[in-house]
Amino acid sequence: MKWRSAFKFFIAYVLLVIFMLSIPMHIHRRSFDEAFTAWYKNRTAENEAALRVQKRKNELIELEFCVVGALIVLVVGYGLYRLVRLTARSRISN
């Protein structure tokens, strides 16, 4: 792969990750629900700290999902693009 193509691939990947991060999503985890319920019923510093830890875990899970999802979308999209180009070239040459 040429450097210019690799750079375009990287830029497309970064843009896809940013796009996927901009889409709101909710991760439903039991430990987060328990921490939120404990904080809601009794707003102490300990419960708030536990809730912050669970929020951070949710953010990391969302980031991981977006990074992997963007890579999958980019690879499938690039594969479809190459397939269409190959098909168009073979039709033109026939």
PDB file of N, CA and C in Angstrom:
ATOM      1  N   MET A   1       0.840  -1.159   0.000  1.00  0.00           N
ATOM      2  CA  MET A   1       0.000   0.000   0.000  1.00  0.00           C
ATOM      3  C   MET A   1       0.896   1.237   0.000  1.00  0.00           C
ATOM      4  N   LYS A   2       0.615   2.159  -0.863  1.00  0.00           N
ATOM      5  CA  LYS A   2       1.404   3.372  -0.951  1.00  0.00           C
ATOM      6  C   LYS A   2       1.129   4.254   0.272  1.00  0.00           C
ATOM      7  N   TRP A   3       2.084   5.156   0.540  1.00  0.00           N
ATOM      8  CA  TRP A   3       1.933   6.040   1.695  1.00  0.00           C
ATOM      9  C   TRP A   3       0.705   6.924   1.571  1.00  0.00           C
ATOM     10  N   ARG A   4       0.433   7.379   0.376  1.00  0.00           N
ATOM     11  CA  ARG A   4      -0.721   8.250   0.183  1.00  0.00           C
ATOM     12  C   ARG A   4      -2.024   7.489   0.436  1.00  0.00           C
ATOM     13  N   SER A   5      -2.090   6.254  -0.033  1.00  0.00           N
ATOM     14  CA  SER A   5      -3.270   5.427   0.204  1.00  0.00           C
ATOM     15  C   SER A   5      -3.421   5.102   1.684  1.00  0.00           C
ATOM     16  N   ALA A   6      -2.300   4.822   2.344  1.00  0.00           N
ATOM     17  CA  ALA A   6      -2.345   4.526   3.772  1.00  0.00           C
ATOM     18  C   ALA A   6      -2.806   5.753   4.553  1.00  0.00           C
ATOM     19  N   PHE A   7      -2.363   6.921   4.142  1.00  0.00           N
ATOM     20  CA  PHE A   7      -2.779   8.153   4.811  1.00  0.00           C
ATOM     21  C   PHE A   7      -4.279   8.386   4.630  1.00  0.00           C
ATOM     22  N   LYS A   8      -4.799   8.165   3.429  1.00  0.00           N
ATOM     23  CA  LYS A   8      -6.236   8.311   3.177  1.00  0.00           C
ATOM     24  C   LYS A   8      -7.033   7.308   4.006  1.00  0.00           C
ATOM     25  N   PHE A   9      -6.526   6.083   4.090  1.00  0.00           N
ATOM     26  CA  PHE A   9      -7.177   5.043   4.886  1.00  0.00           C
ATOM     27  C   PHE A   9      -7.220   5.467   6.353  1.00  0.00           C
ATOM     28  N   PHE A  10      -6.115   6.012   6.862  1.00  0.00           N
ATOM     29  CA  PHE A  10      -6.036   6.449   8.253  1.00  0.00           C
ATOM     30  C   PHE A  10      -6.989   7.612   8.524  1.00  0.00           C
ATOM     31  N   ILE A  11      -7.028   8.581   7.629  1.00  0.00           N
ATOM     32  CA  ILE A  11      -7.927   9.729   7.795  1.00  0.00           C
ATOM     33  C   ILE A  11      -9.385   9.269   7.781  1.00  0.00           C
ATOM     34  N   ALA A  12      -9.721   8.363   6.875  1.00  0.00           N
ATOM     35  CA  ALA A  12     -11.087   7.831   6.823  1.00  0.00           C
ATOM     36  C   ALA A  12     -11.424   7.098   8.121  1.00  0.00           C
ATOM     37  N   TYR A  13     -10.454   6.371   8.655  1.00  0.00           N
ATOM     38  CA  TYR A  13     -10.662   5.643   9.913  1.00  0.00           C
ATOM     39  C   TYR A  13     -10.908   6.613  11.066  1.00  0.00           C
ATOM     40  N   VAL A  14     -10.111   7.657  11.162  1.00  0.00           N
ATOM     41  CA  VAL A  14     -10.270   8.645  12.230  1.00  0.00           C
ATOM     42  C   VAL A  14     -11.633   9.327  12.121  1.00  0.00           C
ATOM     43  N   LEU A  15     -12.039   9.679  10.915  1.00  0.00           N
ATOM     44  CA  LEU A  15     -13.337  10.311  10.718  1.00  0.00           C
ATOM     45  C   LEU A  15     -14.485   9.371  11.088  1.00  0.00           C
ATOM     46  N   LEU A  16     -14.346   8.098  10.767  1.00  0.00           N
ATOM     47  CA  LEU A  16     -15.369   7.128  11.151  1.00  0.00           C
ATOM     48  C   LEU A  16     -15.455   6.973  12.659  1.00  0.00           C
ATOM     49  N   VAL A  17     -14.319   6.949  13.343  1.00  0.00           N
ATOM     50  CA  VAL A  17     -14.336   6.853  14.808  1.00  0.00           C
ATOM     51  C   VAL A  17     -15.024   8.077  15.402  1.00  0.00           C
ATOM     52  N   ILE A  18     -14.697   9.253  14.903  1.00  0.00           N
ATOM     53  CA  ILE A  18     -15.331  10.485  15.402  1.00  0.00           C
ATOM     54  C   ILE A  18     -16.831  10.453  15.145  1.00  0.00           C
ATOM     55  N   PHE A  19     -17.220  10.000  13.954  1.00  0.00           N
ATOM     56  CA  PHE A  19     -18.644   9.903  13.631  1.00  0.00           C
ATOM     57  C   PHE A  19     -19.351   8.937  14.568  1.00  0.00           C
ATOM     58  N   MET A  20     -18.744   7.776  14.811  1.00  0.00           N
ATOM     59  CA  MET A  20     -19.380   6.790  15.679  1.00  0.00           C
ATOM     60  C   MET A  20     -19.440   7.270  17.129  1.00  0.00           C
ATOM     61  N   LEU A  21     -18.460   8.035  17.556  1.00  0.00           N
ATOM     62  CA  LEU A  21     -18.496   8.580  18.916  1.00  0.00           C
ATOM     63  C   LEU A  21     -19.568   9.656  19.073  1.00  0.00           C
ATOM     64  N   SER A  22     -19.918  10.320  17.969  1.00  0.00           N
ATOM     65  CA  SER A  22     -20.930  11.370  18.047  1.00  0.00           C
ATOM     66  C   SER A  22     -22.353  10.806  18.127  1.00  0.00           C
ATOM     67  N   ILE A  23     -22.520   9.538  17.818  1.00  0.00           N
ATOM     68  CA  ILE A  23     -23.833   8.907  17.911  1.00  0.00           C
ATOM     69  C   ILE A  23     -24.058   8.495  19.364  1.00  0.00           C
ATOM     70  N   PRO A  24     -25.125   9.010  19.997  1.00  0.00           N
ATOM     71  CA  PRO A  24     -25.345   8.653  21.407  1.00  0.00           C
ATOM     72  C   PRO A  24     -25.729   7.184  21.551  1.00  0.00           C
ATOM     73  N   MET A  25     -25.179   6.576  22.590  1.00  0.00           N
ATOM     74  CA  MET A  25     -25.518   5.189  22.870  1.00  0.00           C
ATOM     75  C   MET A  25     -25.539   4.984  24.371  1.00  0.00           C
ATOM     76  N   HIS A  26     -26.309   4.023  24.812  1.00  0.00           N
ATOM     77  CA  HIS A  26     -26.404   3.718  26.233  1.00  0.00           C
ATOM     78  C   HIS A  26     -25.960   2.284  26.441  1.00  0.00           C
ATOM     79  N   ILE A  27     -25.037   2.113  27.361  1.00  0.00           N
ATOM     80  CA  ILE A  27     -24.553   0.779  27.693  1.00  0.00           C
ATOM     81  C   ILE A  27     -25.232   0.369  28.983  1.00  0.00           C
ATOM     82  N   HIS A  28     -25.983  -0.703  28.933  1.00  0.00           N
ATOM     83  CA  HIS A  28     -26.732  -1.162  30.093  1.00  0.00           C
ATOM     84  C   HIS A  28     -25.934  -2.249  30.800  1.00  0.00           C
ATOM     85  N   ARG A  29     -25.392  -1.877  31.963  1.00  0.00           N
ATOM     86  CA  ARG A  29     -24.624  -2.827  32.765  1.00  0.00           C
ATOM     87  C   ARG A  29     -25.201  -2.861  34.171  1.00  0.00           C
ATOM     88  N   ARG A  30     -25.254  -4.043  34.728  1.00  0.00           N
ATOM     89  CA  ARG A  30     -25.828  -4.209  36.057  1.00  0.00           C
ATOM     90  C   ARG A  30     -25.035  -3.441  37.114  1.00  0.00           C
ATOM     91  N   SER A  31     -23.703  -3.478  37.040  1.00  0.00           N
ATOM     92  CA  SER A  31     -22.889  -2.795  38.052  1.00  0.00           C
ATOM     93  C   SER A  31     -23.103  -1.280  38.001  1.00  0.00           C
ATOM     94  N   PHE A  32     -23.298  -0.718  36.807  1.00  0.00           N
ATOM     95  CA  PHE A  32     -23.596   0.708  36.705  1.00  0.00           C
ATOM     96  C   PHE A  32     -24.958   1.002  37.319  1.00  0.00           C
ATOM     97  N   ASP A  33     -25.944   0.161  37.012  1.00  0.00           N
ATOM     98  CA  ASP A  33     -27.285   0.363  37.572  1.00  0.00           C
ATOM     99  C   ASP A  33     -27.262   0.305  39.101  1.00  0.00           C
ATOM    100  N   GLU A  34     -26.517  -0.630  39.644  1.00  0.00           N
ATOM    101  CA  GLU A  34     -26.421  -0.736  41.102  1.00  0.00           C
ATOM    102  C   GLU A  34     -25.734   0.486  41.701  1.00  0.00           C
ATOM    103  N   ALA A  35     -24.665   0.951  41.062  1.00  0.00           N
ATOM    104  CA  ALA A  35     -23.962   2.139  41.562  1.00  0.00           C
ATOM    105  C   ALA A  35     -24.860   3.372  41.473  1.00  0.00           C
ATOM    106  N   PHE A  36     -25.608   3.489  40.379  1.00  0.00           N
ATOM    107  CA  PHE A  36     -26.507   4.638  40.240  1.00  0.00           C
ATOM    108  C   PHE A  36     -27.619   4.590  41.279  1.00  0.00           C
ATOM    109  N   THR A  37     -28.192   3.417  41.498  1.00  0.00           N
ATOM    110  CA  THR A  37     -29.257   3.285  42.489  1.00  0.00           C
ATOM    111  C   THR A  37     -28.750   3.613  43.890  1.00  0.00           C
ATOM    112  N   ALA A  38     -27.568   3.122  44.231  1.00  0.00           N
ATOM    113  CA  ALA A  38     -26.987   3.422  45.545  1.00  0.00           C
ATOM    114  C   ALA A  38     -26.732   4.918  45.692  1.00  0.00           C
ATOM    115  N   TRP A  39     -26.243   5.547  44.641  1.00  0.00           N
ATOM    116  CA  TRP A  39     -25.978   6.990  44.682  1.00  0.00           C
ATOM    117  C   TRP A  39     -27.285   7.779  44.769  1.00  0.00           C
ATOM    118  N   TYR A  40     -28.302   7.332  44.044  1.00  0.00           N
ATOM    119  CA  TYR A  40     -29.581   8.043  44.027  1.00  0.00           C
ATOM    120  C   TYR A  40     -30.265   7.984  45.392  1.00  0.00           C
ATOM    121  N   LYS A  41     -30.186   6.829  46.043  1.00  0.00           N
ATOM    122  CA  LYS A  41     -30.832   6.668  47.350  1.00  0.00           C
ATOM    123  C   LYS A  41     -30.041   7.324  48.474  1.00  0.00           C
ATOM    124  N   ASN A  42     -28.709   7.294  48.356  1.00  0.00           N
ATOM    125  CA  ASN A  42     -27.864   7.818  49.422  1.00  0.00           C
ATOM    126  C   ASN A  42     -26.668   8.508  48.786  1.00  0.00           C
ATOM    127  N   ARG A  43     -26.744   9.822  48.661  1.00  0.00           N
ATOM    128  CA  ARG A  43     -25.721  10.584  47.951  1.00  0.00           C
ATOM    129  C   ARG A  43     -24.520  10.891  48.856  1.00  0.00           C
ATOM    130  N   THR A  44     -23.705   9.859  49.047  1.00  0.00           N
ATOM    131  CA  THR A  44     -22.487  10.039  49.831  1.00  0.00           C
ATOM    132  C   THR A  44     -21.295  10.113  48.877  1.00  0.00           C
ATOM    133  N   ALA A  45     -20.157  10.482  49.415  1.00  0.00           N
ATOM    134  CA  ALA A  45     -18.941  10.585  48.601  1.00  0.00           C
ATOM    135  C   ALA A  45     -18.506   9.214  48.084  1.00  0.00           C
ATOM    136  N   GLU A  46     -18.713   8.189  48.893  1.00  0.00           N
ATOM    137  CA  GLU A  46     -18.337   6.828  48.466  1.00  0.00           C
ATOM    138  C   GLU A  46     -19.189   6.366  47.291  1.00  0.00           C
ATOM    139  N   ASN A  47     -20.486   6.607  47.397  1.00  0.00           N
ATOM    140  CA  ASN A  47     -21.374   6.209  46.305  1.00  0.00           C
ATOM    141  C   ASN A  47     -21.104   7.017  45.040  1.00  0.00           C
ATOM    142  N   GLU A  48     -20.773   8.280  45.211  1.00  0.00           N
ATOM    143  CA  GLU A  48     -20.446   9.113  44.054  1.00  0.00           C
ATOM    144  C   GLU A  48     -19.158   8.633  43.381  1.00  0.00           C
ATOM    145  N   ALA A  49     -18.183   8.245  44.182  1.00  0.00           N
ATOM    146  CA  ALA A  49     -16.930   7.728  43.626  1.00  0.00           C
ATOM    147  C   ALA A  49     -17.177   6.416  42.875  1.00  0.00           C
ATOM    148  N   ALA A  50     -18.013   5.555  43.436  1.00  0.00           N
ATOM    149  CA  ALA A  50     -18.339   4.285  42.762  1.00  0.00           C
ATOM    150  C   ALA A  50     -19.069   4.548  41.451  1.00  0.00           C
ATOM    151  N   LEU A  51     -19.950   5.531  41.451  1.00  0.00           N
ATOM    152  CA  LEU A  51     -20.670   5.873  40.225  1.00  0.00           C
ATOM    153  C   LEU A  51     -19.719   6.423  39.169  1.00  0.00           C
ATOM    154  N   ARG A  52     -18.761   7.257  39.565  1.00  0.00           N
ATOM    155  CA  ARG A  52     -17.773   7.781  38.615  1.00  0.00           C
ATOM    156  C   ARG A  52     -16.937   6.667  37.994  1.00  0.00           C
ATOM    157  N   VAL A  53     -16.567   5.672  38.813  1.00  0.00           N
ATOM    158  CA  VAL A  53     -15.799   4.538  38.292  1.00  0.00           C
ATOM    159  C   VAL A  53     -16.612   3.785  37.252  1.00  0.00           C
ATOM    160  N   GLN A  54     -17.882   3.560  37.531  1.00  0.00           N
ATOM    161  CA  GLN A  54     -18.735   2.836  36.590  1.00  0.00           C
ATOM    162  C   GLN A  54     -18.992   3.657  35.321  1.00  0.00           C
ATOM    163  N   LYS A  55     -19.107   4.968  35.455  1.00  0.00           N
ATOM    164  CA  LYS A  55     -19.269   5.815  34.267  1.00  0.00           C
ATOM    165  C   LYS A  55     -18.031   5.728  33.380  1.00  0.00           C
ATOM    166  N   ARG A  56     -16.865   5.741  34.016  1.00  0.00           N
ATOM    167  CA  ARG A  56     -15.610   5.647  33.260  1.00  0.00           C
ATOM    168  C   ARG A  56     -15.518   4.310  32.529  1.00  0.00           C
ATOM    169  N   LYS A  57     -15.937   3.232  33.185  1.00  0.00           N
ATOM    170  CA  LYS A  57     -15.933   1.918  32.521  1.00  0.00           C
ATOM    171  C   LYS A  57     -16.869   1.924  31.319  1.00  0.00           C
ATOM    172  N   ASN A  58     -18.024   2.564  31.459  1.00  0.00           N
ATOM    173  CA  ASN A  58     -18.954   2.663  30.327  1.00  0.00           C
ATOM    174  C   ASN A  58     -18.338   3.447  29.177  1.00  0.00           C
ATOM    175  N   GLU A  59     -17.630   4.537  29.500  1.00  0.00           N
ATOM    176  CA  GLU A  59     -16.980   5.330  28.458  1.00  0.00           C
ATOM    177  C   GLU A  59     -15.906   4.529  27.730  1.00  0.00           C
ATOM    178  N   LEU A  60     -15.145   3.734  28.471  1.00  0.00           N
ATOM    179  CA  LEU A  60     -14.102   2.913  27.841  1.00  0.00           C
ATOM    180  C   LEU A  60     -14.711   1.814  26.970  1.00  0.00           C
ATOM    181  N   ILE A  61     -15.807   1.235  27.408  1.00  0.00           N
ATOM    182  CA  ILE A  61     -16.493   0.220  26.605  1.00  0.00           C
ATOM    183  C   ILE A  61     -17.032   0.845  25.324  1.00  0.00           C
ATOM    184  N   GLU A  62     -17.604   2.046  25.423  1.00  0.00           N
ATOM    185  CA  GLU A  62     -18.113   2.738  24.245  1.00  0.00           C
ATOM    186  C   GLU A  62     -16.984   3.080  23.272  1.00  0.00           C
ATOM    187  N   LEU A  63     -15.861   3.545  23.804  1.00  0.00           N
ATOM    188  CA  LEU A  63     -14.715   3.867  22.953  1.00  0.00           C
ATOM    189  C   LEU A  63     -14.201   2.625  22.236  1.00  0.00           C
ATOM    190  N   GLU A  64     -14.098   1.519  22.959  1.00  0.00           N
ATOM    191  CA  GLU A  64     -13.639   0.270  22.347  1.00  0.00           C
ATOM    192  C   GLU A  64     -14.597  -0.173  21.244  1.00  0.00           C
ATOM    193  N   PHE A  65     -15.887  -0.076  21.504  1.00  0.00           N
ATOM    194  CA  PHE A  65     -16.887  -0.449  20.512  1.00  0.00           C
ATOM    195  C   PHE A  65     -16.757   0.422  19.260  1.00  0.00           C
ATOM    196  N   CYS A  66     -16.566   1.726  19.451  1.00  0.00           N
ATOM    197  CA  CYS A  66     -16.454   2.638  18.308  1.00  0.00           C
ATOM    198  C   CYS A  66     -15.191   2.379  17.498  1.00  0.00           C
ATOM    199  N   VAL A  67     -14.077   2.101  18.179  1.00  0.00           N
ATOM    200  CA  VAL A  67     -12.815   1.855  17.473  1.00  0.00           C
ATOM    201  C   VAL A  67     -12.905   0.581  16.642  1.00  0.00           C
ATOM    202  N   VAL A  68     -13.408  -0.479  17.229  1.00  0.00           N
ATOM    203  CA  VAL A  68     -13.523  -1.750  16.502  1.00  0.00           C
ATOM    204  C   VAL A  68     -14.597  -1.654  15.423  1.00  0.00           C
ATOM    205  N   GLY A  69     -15.718  -1.033  15.746  1.00  0.00           N
ATOM    206  CA  GLY A  69     -16.798  -0.879  14.770  1.00  0.00           C
ATOM    207  C   GLY A  69     -16.376  -0.057  13.563  1.00  0.00           C
ATOM    208  N   ALA A  70     -15.624   1.012  13.800  1.00  0.00           N
ATOM    209  CA  ALA A  70     -15.148   1.839  12.689  1.00  0.00           C
ATOM    210  C   ALA A  70     -14.196   1.058  11.799  1.00  0.00           C
ATOM    211  N   LEU A  71     -13.344   0.245  12.398  1.00  0.00           N
ATOM    212  CA  LEU A  71     -12.428  -0.571  11.597  1.00  0.00           C
ATOM    213  C   LEU A  71     -13.192  -1.573  10.737  1.00  0.00           C
ATOM    214  N   ILE A  72     -14.200  -2.200  11.296  1.00  0.00           N
ATOM    215  CA  ILE A  72     -15.002  -3.165  10.537  1.00  0.00           C
ATOM    216  C   ILE A  72     -15.739  -2.465   9.397  1.00  0.00           C
ATOM    217  N   VAL A  73     -16.354  -1.324   9.685  1.00  0.00           N
ATOM    218  CA  VAL A  73     -17.081  -0.578   8.646  1.00  0.00           C
ATOM    219  C   VAL A  73     -16.128  -0.146   7.538  1.00  0.00           C
ATOM    220  N   LEU A  74     -14.948   0.312   7.911  1.00  0.00           N
ATOM    221  CA  LEU A  74     -13.981   0.768   6.916  1.00  0.00           C
ATOM    222  C   LEU A  74     -13.488  -0.385   6.040  1.00  0.00           C
ATOM    223  N   VAL A  75     -13.186  -1.514   6.627  1.00  0.00           N
ATOM    224  CA  VAL A  75     -12.700  -2.655   5.850  1.00  0.00           C
ATOM    225  C   VAL A  75     -13.791  -3.184   4.918  1.00  0.00           C
ATOM    226  N   VAL A  76     -15.006  -3.307   5.415  1.00  0.00           N
ATOM    227  CA  VAL A  76     -16.111  -3.787   4.566  1.00  0.00           C
ATOM    228  C   VAL A  76     -16.396  -2.769   3.449  1.00  0.00           C
ATOM    229  N   GLY A  77     -16.410  -1.496   3.800  1.00  0.00           N
ATOM    230  CA  GLY A  77     -16.652  -0.459   2.787  1.00  0.00           C
ATOM    231  C   GLY A  77     -15.573  -0.434   1.718  1.00  0.00           C
ATOM    232  N   TYR A  78     -14.316  -0.557   2.137  1.00  0.00           N
ATOM    233  CA  TYR A  78     -13.221  -0.576   1.172  1.00  0.00           C
ATOM    234  C   TYR A  78     -13.302  -1.822   0.287  1.00  0.00           C
ATOM    235  N   GLY A  79     -13.664  -2.945   0.876  1.00  0.00           N
ATOM    236  CA  GLY A  79     -13.821  -4.167   0.091  1.00  0.00           C
ATOM    237  C   GLY A  79     -14.923  -4.043  -0.947  1.00  0.00           C
ATOM    238  N   LEU A  80     -16.047  -3.451  -0.557  1.00  0.00           N
ATOM    239  CA  LEU A  80     -17.137  -3.245  -1.508  1.00  0.00           C
ATOM    240  C   LEU A  80     -16.736  -2.260  -2.612  1.00  0.00           C
ATOM    241  N   TYR A  81     -16.001  -1.222  -2.231  1.00  0.00           N
ATOM    242  CA  TYR A  81     -15.515  -0.249  -3.210  1.00  0.00           C
ATOM    243  C   TYR A  81     -14.611  -0.930  -4.234  1.00  0.00           C
ATOM    244  N   ARG A  82     -13.680  -1.753  -3.771  1.00  0.00           N
ATOM    245  CA  ARG A  82     -12.772  -2.458  -4.690  1.00  0.00           C
ATOM    246  C   ARG A  82     -13.545  -3.447  -5.575  1.00  0.00           C
ATOM    247  N   LEU A  83     -14.554  -4.095  -5.025  1.00  0.00           N
ATOM    248  CA  LEU A  83     -15.362  -5.034  -5.805  1.00  0.00           C
ATOM    249  C   LEU A  83     -16.117  -4.302  -6.908  1.00  0.00           C
ATOM    250  N   VAL A  84     -16.688  -3.163  -6.602  1.00  0.00           N
ATOM    251  CA  VAL A  84     -17.417  -2.385  -7.608  1.00  0.00           C
ATOM    252  C   VAL A  84     -16.459  -1.903  -8.692  1.00  0.00           C
ATOM    253  N   ARG A  85     -15.286  -1.436  -8.309  1.00  0.00           N
ATOM    254  CA  ARG A  85     -14.306  -0.981  -9.299  1.00  0.00           C
ATOM    255  C   ARG A  85     -13.850  -2.120 -10.187  1.00  0.00           C
ATOM    256  N   LEU A  86     -13.616  -3.280  -9.606  1.00  0.00           N
ATOM    257  CA  LEU A  86     -13.190  -4.452 -10.376  1.00  0.00           C
ATOM    258  C   LEU A  86     -14.289  -4.879 -11.347  1.00  0.00           C
ATOM    259  N   THR A  87     -15.532  -4.867 -10.891  1.00  0.00           N
ATOM    260  CA  THR A  87     -16.642  -5.225 -11.749  1.00  0.00           C
ATOM    261  C   THR A  87     -16.811  -4.216 -12.886  1.00  0.00           C
ATOM    262  N   ALA A  88     -16.688  -2.952 -12.587  1.00  0.00           N
ATOM    263  CA  ALA A  88     -16.824  -1.919 -13.617  1.00  0.00           C
ATOM    264  C   ALA A  88     -15.702  -2.039 -14.641  1.00  0.00           C
ATOM    265  N   ARG A  89     -14.484  -2.299 -14.201  1.00  0.00           N
ATOM    266  CA  ARG A  89     -13.376  -2.444 -15.148  1.00  0.00           C
ATOM    267  C   ARG A  89     -13.564  -3.668 -16.038  1.00  0.00           C
ATOM    268  N   SER A  90     -14.057  -4.771 -15.473  1.00  0.00           N
ATOM    269  CA  SER A  90     -14.232  -5.962 -16.288  1.00  0.00           C
ATOM    270  C   SER A  90     -15.361  -5.781 -17.298  1.00  0.00           C
ATOM    271  N   ARG A  91     -16.388  -5.024 -16.965  1.00  0.00           N
ATOM    272  CA  ARG A  91     -17.472  -4.759 -17.908  1.00  0.00           C
ATOM    273  C   ARG A  91     -17.012  -3.843 -19.040  1.00  0.00           C
ATOM    274  N   ILE A  92     -16.166  -2.897 -18.707  1.00  0.00           N
ATOM    275  CA  ILE A  92     -15.676  -1.965 -19.724  1.00  0.00           C
ATOM    276  C   ILE A  92     -14.761  -2.688 -20.713  1.00  0.00           C
ATOM    277  N   SER A  93     -13.928  -3.583 -20.207  1.00  0.00           N
ATOM    278  CA  SER A  93     -12.963  -4.259 -21.082  1.00  0.00           C
ATOM    279  C   SER A  93     -13.633  -5.330 -21.962  1.00  0.00           C
ATOM    280  N   ASN A  94     -14.824  -5.767 -21.598  1.00  0.00           N
ATOM    281  CA  ASN A  94     -15.492  -6.795 -22.424  1.00  0.00           C
ATOM    282  C   ASN A  94     -16.195  -6.195 -23.560  1.00  0.00           C
TER     283      ASN A  94
END
